[in-house]
Protein backbone atom coordinates (compact mmCIF):
# COMPACT_ATOMS: atom_id res chain seq x y z
CA UNK A 1 -70.80 53.23 -11.83
CA UNK A 2 -70.17 53.65 -15.53
CA UNK A 3 -66.79 55.26 -14.77
CA UNK A 4 -65.71 52.19 -12.77
CA UNK A 5 -66.74 49.80 -15.57
CA UNK A 6 -64.81 51.81 -18.15
CA UNK A 7 -61.78 51.93 -15.87
CA UNK A 8 -61.90 48.14 -15.33
CA UNK A 9 -62.10 47.53 -19.08
CA UNK A 10 -59.03 49.76 -19.62
CA UNK A 11 -57.10 47.93 -16.90
CA UNK A 12 -58.01 44.53 -18.34
CA UNK A 13 -57.01 45.61 -21.86
CA UNK A 14 -53.70 47.00 -20.62
CA UNK A 15 -52.96 43.78 -18.72
CA UNK A 16 -53.81 41.67 -21.79
CA UNK A 17 -51.48 43.72 -23.99
CA UNK A 18 -48.75 43.60 -21.33
CA UNK A 19 -48.88 39.80 -21.27
CA UNK A 20 -48.36 39.66 -25.04
CA UNK A 21 -45.08 41.59 -24.83
CA UNK A 22 -41.77 39.77 -24.69
CA UNK A 23 -39.59 40.37 -21.59
CA UNK A 24 -37.30 42.65 -23.61
CA UNK A 25 -40.24 44.78 -24.78
CA UNK A 26 -41.63 44.92 -21.23
CA UNK A 27 -38.28 46.20 -19.95
CA UNK A 28 -38.16 48.80 -22.74
CA UNK A 29 -41.64 50.03 -21.81
CA UNK A 30 -40.74 50.18 -18.11
CA UNK A 31 -37.49 52.01 -18.84
CA UNK A 32 -39.31 54.54 -21.00
CA UNK A 33 -41.77 55.15 -18.16
CA UNK A 34 -39.02 55.67 -15.60
CA UNK A 35 -37.13 58.10 -17.85
CA UNK A 36 -40.37 59.89 -18.76
CA UNK A 37 -40.83 60.86 -15.11
CA UNK A 38 -37.17 61.83 -14.58
CA UNK A 39 -35.90 58.67 -12.87
CA UNK A 40 -33.03 56.33 -13.77
CA UNK A 41 -33.98 53.24 -15.77
CA UNK A 42 -32.84 49.63 -15.27
CA UNK A 43 -29.50 50.46 -16.93
CA UNK A 44 -28.86 53.35 -14.55
CA UNK A 45 -29.40 55.99 -17.24
CA UNK A 46 -31.74 58.94 -17.01
CA UNK A 47 -31.90 59.73 -20.74
CA UNK A 48 -32.54 57.64 -23.84
CA UNK A 49 -29.74 56.72 -26.26
CA UNK A 50 -31.14 59.18 -28.77
CA UNK A 51 -31.06 62.03 -26.23
CA UNK A 52 -27.52 61.11 -25.16
CA UNK A 53 -26.24 61.13 -28.76
CA UNK A 54 -27.95 64.46 -29.38
CA UNK A 55 -26.38 66.05 -26.28
CA UNK A 56 -22.85 64.75 -26.96
CA UNK A 57 -21.76 67.58 -29.27
CA UNK A 58 -23.09 70.31 -26.97
CA UNK A 59 -22.26 69.01 -23.49
CA UNK A 60 -18.74 70.48 -23.36
CA UNK A 61 -20.17 73.99 -23.70
CA UNK A 62 -22.66 73.63 -20.84
CA UNK A 63 -22.09 74.67 -17.21
CA UNK A 64 -20.85 71.92 -14.92
CA UNK A 65 -24.24 71.68 -13.13
CA UNK A 66 -25.99 70.86 -16.40
CA UNK A 67 -23.25 68.39 -17.41
CA UNK A 68 -23.66 66.61 -14.07
CA UNK A 69 -27.31 65.85 -14.89
CA UNK A 70 -26.06 63.25 -17.37
CA UNK A 71 -24.26 61.16 -14.72
CA UNK A 72 -25.49 57.62 -14.29
CA UNK A 73 -27.05 56.16 -11.16
CA UNK A 74 -23.91 54.22 -10.17
CA UNK A 75 -21.81 57.39 -9.99
CA UNK A 76 -24.46 59.30 -8.07
CA UNK A 77 -24.92 56.46 -5.59
CA UNK A 78 -21.16 56.18 -5.03
CA UNK A 79 -20.90 59.89 -4.23
CA UNK A 80 -24.03 59.86 -2.08
CA UNK A 81 -22.84 56.83 -0.07
CA UNK A 82 -19.31 58.28 0.16
CA UNK A 83 -17.78 55.22 -1.50
CA UNK A 84 -14.22 55.55 -2.79
CA UNK A 85 -14.48 57.32 -6.15
CA UNK A 86 -10.79 57.82 -6.95
CA UNK A 87 -10.72 54.55 -8.90
CA UNK A 88 -13.23 56.02 -11.38
CA UNK A 89 -10.72 58.68 -12.36
CA UNK A 90 -7.58 56.57 -12.74
CA UNK A 91 -6.38 56.63 -16.32
CA UNK A 92 -9.38 58.63 -17.55
CA UNK A 93 -7.18 60.99 -19.58
CA UNK A 94 -6.05 58.06 -21.74
CA UNK A 95 -9.62 57.24 -22.72
CA UNK A 96 -10.77 60.57 -24.17
CA UNK A 97 -11.59 59.07 -27.59
CA UNK A 98 -14.03 56.64 -25.92
CA UNK A 99 -15.80 59.25 -23.78
CA UNK A 100 -19.53 59.60 -24.27
CA UNK A 101 -22.17 61.88 -22.76
CA UNK A 102 -22.48 59.75 -19.63
CA UNK A 103 -18.69 59.73 -19.12
CA UNK A 104 -18.63 63.52 -19.21
CA UNK A 105 -21.64 63.60 -16.88
CA UNK A 106 -19.93 61.28 -14.39
CA UNK A 107 -16.72 63.35 -14.35
CA UNK A 108 -18.72 66.57 -13.98
CA UNK A 109 -20.78 65.04 -11.16
CA UNK A 110 -17.59 64.05 -9.31
CA UNK A 111 -16.10 67.52 -9.87
CA UNK A 112 -19.23 69.19 -8.54
CA UNK A 113 -20.54 66.95 -5.75
CA UNK A 114 -17.71 64.72 -4.47
CA UNK A 115 -16.89 64.95 -0.75
CA UNK A 116 -13.19 64.28 -1.30
CA UNK A 117 -11.38 67.51 -2.28
CA UNK A 118 -8.64 65.64 -4.15
CA UNK A 119 -11.23 63.78 -6.24
CA UNK A 120 -13.02 67.07 -6.94
CA UNK A 121 -9.82 68.74 -8.12
CA UNK A 122 -8.72 65.76 -10.21
CA UNK A 123 -12.17 65.41 -11.84
CA UNK A 124 -12.31 69.12 -12.61
CA UNK A 125 -8.83 68.94 -14.22
CA UNK A 126 -9.84 65.90 -16.30
CA UNK A 127 -12.98 67.72 -17.40
CA UNK A 128 -10.98 70.78 -18.44
CA UNK A 129 -8.41 68.62 -20.26
CA UNK A 130 -11.21 66.81 -22.09
CA UNK A 131 -12.80 70.07 -23.18
CA UNK A 132 -9.42 71.28 -24.49
CA UNK A 133 -8.88 67.93 -26.24
CA UNK A 134 -12.32 68.13 -27.91
CA UNK A 135 -11.73 71.74 -29.03
CA UNK A 136 -8.29 70.94 -30.50
């Protein structure tokens, strides 16, 4: 009985604190919880901004399977649902200076898991060109 009372007090306190938070803070707490358990947050990202910045310098040296972990939910859903993904790759080579960790993750995900062989080949070539561009 004591356990139930303590649990109810904790739930009531948590609810009271939750109501005091602004909508932006509530979303930040929810997103942190989703990412903590390995799911994509409301922005479609699986990692925090801090983790993404930290991984940016190292991601080009990782195997393609590990790079693909940094793809966002939109890319993964498009591949899973077999939606046309060629448009994601058009003109990508011109945007190398603006690439970030998620961009590399998306290209690696397409190169590894796409159902269209042409998309796979094109994504793999873009990934290789980006790695050469970064190492130059």
